[in-house]
Protein backbone atom coordinates (compact mmCIF):
# COMPACT_ATOMS: atom_id res chain seq x y z
CA MET A 1 23.37 -2.76 -49.90
CA GLN A 2 21.69 -5.97 -49.65
CA CYS A 3 19.48 -7.44 -46.54
CA ALA A 4 21.63 -9.82 -44.53
CA ARG A 5 18.85 -12.33 -44.48
CA HIS A 6 17.48 -11.88 -47.91
CA PRO A 7 20.32 -11.25 -50.42
CA ARG A 8 18.06 -10.31 -53.23
CA THR A 9 16.49 -7.31 -51.57
CA GLU A 10 18.07 -4.10 -51.75
CA THR A 11 17.70 -1.84 -48.52
CA TYR A 12 19.14 1.35 -46.97
CA VAL A 13 18.25 0.28 -43.43
CA ARG A 14 20.52 -0.75 -40.75
CA CYS A 15 19.69 -2.20 -37.35
CA SER A 16 20.38 0.53 -34.75
CA LYS A 17 22.16 -1.92 -32.40
CA CYS A 18 24.25 -4.39 -34.66
CA ASP A 19 24.37 -2.34 -37.77
CA THR A 20 23.16 -5.32 -39.86
CA PRO A 21 21.47 -4.26 -43.07
CA ILE A 22 17.78 -5.20 -42.89
CA CYS A 23 14.94 -5.00 -45.36
CA GLY A 24 11.31 -4.09 -44.66
CA GLU A 25 10.33 -7.82 -43.83
CA CYS A 26 13.16 -8.22 -41.23
CA MET A 27 12.88 -4.79 -39.45
CA VAL A 28 11.05 -4.57 -35.98
CA THR A 29 10.07 -1.00 -34.93
CA GLY A 30 10.92 -0.42 -31.16
CA PRO A 31 10.84 2.57 -28.86
CA VAL A 32 14.59 2.97 -29.66
CA GLY A 33 14.50 2.64 -33.48
CA ILE A 34 14.50 0.06 -36.06
CA ARG A 35 16.21 -3.16 -35.18
CA CYS A 36 16.65 -6.80 -36.81
CA ARG A 37 14.67 -9.64 -35.38
CA LYS A 38 17.76 -10.90 -33.23
CA CYS A 39 18.46 -7.71 -31.49
CA ALA A 40 14.58 -6.90 -30.97
CA GLN A 41 13.87 -9.96 -28.89
CA VAL A 42 12.77 -8.79 -25.69
CA ASN A 43 14.01 -10.68 -22.58
CA SER A 44 11.59 -10.63 -19.74
CA SER A 45 12.76 -7.94 -16.91
CA PRO A 46 13.11 -9.55 -13.57
CA LEU A 47 10.61 -6.78 -12.39
CA PHE A 48 7.88 -8.51 -14.13
CA LYS A 49 8.97 -11.84 -12.64
CA SER A 50 7.23 -12.31 -9.36
CA GLN A 51 7.26 -15.47 -7.31
CA PRO A 52 4.11 -16.87 -5.99
CA THR A 53 4.78 -15.98 -2.56
CA GLY A 54 5.14 -12.47 -3.46
CA LEU A 55 1.69 -12.52 -5.34
CA ILE A 56 0.08 -14.08 -1.98
CA ARG A 57 1.66 -11.40 -0.05
CA ALA A 58 0.64 -8.56 -2.38
CA GLY A 59 -2.98 -9.98 -2.35
CA ALA A 60 -3.12 -10.34 1.37
CA GLY A 61 -1.68 -6.83 2.02
CA GLY A 62 -3.86 -5.42 -0.79
CA LEU A 63 -7.01 -6.89 0.86
CA ILE A 64 -6.19 -5.94 4.40
CA SER A 65 -5.12 -2.42 3.45
CA ALA A 66 -8.56 -1.92 1.55
CA PHE A 67 -10.62 -2.98 4.41
CA VAL A 68 -8.83 -0.88 6.88
CA LEU A 69 -9.05 2.10 4.62
CA GLY A 70 -12.63 1.44 3.67
CA VAL A 71 -13.63 1.54 7.34
CA VAL A 72 -11.49 4.50 8.00
CA LEU A 73 -12.87 6.38 5.13
CA ASN A 74 -16.61 5.74 6.70
CA PHE A 75 -15.51 8.10 9.43
CA ILE A 76 -13.93 10.84 7.33
CA PRO A 77 -17.10 11.98 5.42
CA ILE A 78 -15.27 15.38 4.44
CA LEU A 79 -13.13 13.59 1.69
CA GLY A 80 -16.10 12.71 -0.35
CA PRO A 81 -16.16 9.96 -3.00
CA PHE A 82 -13.71 11.53 -5.41
CA ILE A 83 -10.74 12.47 -3.24
CA GLY A 84 -11.47 9.27 -1.02
CA GLY A 85 -11.42 7.02 -3.83
CA ALA A 86 -8.19 8.51 -5.24
CA VAL A 87 -6.59 8.09 -1.89
CA LEU A 88 -8.06 4.65 -1.39
CA GLY A 89 -6.59 3.75 -4.79
CA TYR A 90 -3.20 5.00 -4.51
CA ALA A 91 -2.73 3.68 -0.85
CA VAL A 92 -3.95 0.15 -1.92
CA GLY A 93 -1.47 0.32 -5.03
CA GLU A 94 1.41 1.36 -2.94
CA VAL A 95 0.71 -1.52 -0.34
CA VAL A 96 0.33 -4.13 -3.13
CA LEU A 97 3.70 -2.63 -4.71
CA ARG A 98 5.69 -2.93 -1.46
CA ALA A 99 4.24 -6.38 -0.08
CA GLY A 100 5.04 -7.78 -3.67
CA GLY A 101 8.45 -6.88 -3.58
CA ARG A 102 8.29 -3.96 -5.92
CA LYS A 103 7.34 -6.46 -8.73
CA ARG A 104 5.03 -5.23 -11.65
CA GLY A 105 3.11 -7.14 -14.25
CA ARG A 106 -0.45 -7.97 -15.06
CA PHE A 107 -1.12 -10.02 -11.89
CA MET A 108 0.14 -7.29 -9.63
CA GLU A 109 -2.17 -4.91 -11.48
CA TYR A 110 -5.33 -7.39 -11.19
CA ILE A 111 -4.42 -7.72 -7.36
CA ALA A 112 -4.35 -3.82 -7.06
CA GLY A 113 -7.41 -3.31 -8.93
CA GLY A 114 -9.41 -6.11 -7.22
CA SER A 115 -8.36 -5.00 -3.90
CA ALA A 116 -9.28 -1.19 -4.59
CA LEU A 117 -12.74 -2.78 -5.58
CA PHE A 118 -13.26 -4.45 -2.28
CA GLY A 119 -12.15 -1.51 -0.54
CA ILE A 120 -14.51 0.58 -2.26
CA LEU A 121 -17.38 -1.92 -1.52
CA VAL A 122 -16.34 -1.71 2.21
CA TRP A 123 -16.47 2.07 2.15
CA ARG A 124 -19.53 2.99 -0.10
CA ILE A 125 -22.29 0.34 0.96
CA PRO A 126 -23.76 0.87 4.15
CA TRP A 127 -23.32 -2.75 5.45
CA LEU A 128 -24.79 -1.88 8.92
CA ALA A 129 -28.15 -0.72 7.35
CA LEU A 130 -28.07 -3.58 4.97
CA LEU A 131 -27.54 -6.37 7.70
CA THR A 132 -29.93 -4.87 10.20
CA LYS A 133 -32.96 -3.85 7.99
CA GLY A 134 -32.15 -5.78 4.75
CA TRP A 135 -32.63 -4.11 1.34
CA LEU A 136 -35.47 -1.92 2.66
CA GLY A 137 -32.70 -0.19 4.77
CA ILE A 138 -30.85 1.14 1.84
CA ILE A 139 -33.49 1.87 -0.58
CA GLY A 140 -33.30 5.44 0.31
CA LEU A 141 -29.59 5.46 -0.29
CA LEU A 142 -30.06 4.39 -3.74
CA ASN A 143 -30.61 7.53 -5.75
CA PRO A 144 -28.99 8.24 -8.81
CA PHE A 145 -26.31 10.70 -7.37
CA TRP A 146 -25.10 8.09 -4.66
CA ILE A 147 -24.86 5.52 -7.42
CA LEU A 148 -22.90 7.90 -9.81
CA ALA A 149 -20.60 8.97 -6.96
CA THR A 150 -20.02 5.20 -5.82
CA LEU A 151 -19.17 4.46 -9.44
CA ALA A 152 -16.88 7.48 -9.70
CA ALA A 153 -15.07 6.58 -6.59
CA LEU A 154 -14.66 3.12 -8.12
CA ALA A 155 -13.23 4.41 -11.26
CA LEU A 156 -10.89 6.58 -9.53
CA ALA A 157 -9.81 3.80 -7.01
CA ILE A 158 -9.06 1.36 -9.58
CA VAL A 159 -7.24 3.81 -11.90
CA CYS A 160 -4.99 5.08 -9.17
CA SER A 161 -3.95 1.52 -7.72
CA VAL A 162 -3.37 0.11 -11.26
CA GLY A 163 -1.46 3.22 -12.18
CA ARG A 164 0.67 2.85 -9.04
CA ILE A 165 1.65 -0.62 -10.32
CA ARG A 166 1.99 0.01 -13.87
CA TYR A 167 3.87 3.53 -13.74
CA LEU A 168 5.82 2.86 -10.45
């Protein structure tokens, strides 16, 4: 059997969708098997096409929810940085997903991750001590364990929020 685009090339492979004979140059490997170039063209899904108003709503919802959750987590010290970071990230990701019309894509992931970062900054940085006493007021808090816990909470929050958008 000869390739449909290259008649001088012999092949034993056919497209899994249209059954056209294809050679090694023409084949495209995808999640459902080997296809010809015509059948392998990916049309952009409507799930990834978000309107600017949806992005604005998602950004506003993400920032507001991150701020509120960051303030609330200040009053629940029993959660700690690990569980609190995961809860904040998941909740922010869910709010961004719903406020954006359940659209996905790279911009929505950026919005969710940035909002989670903002929420961790609101939650973990002692703003009252910083505003009243300046940098000298928080020097005692800047020990290595506090910094590592904050970085762990930040990583968990970003992973959970972006994962909520990416893996629905």
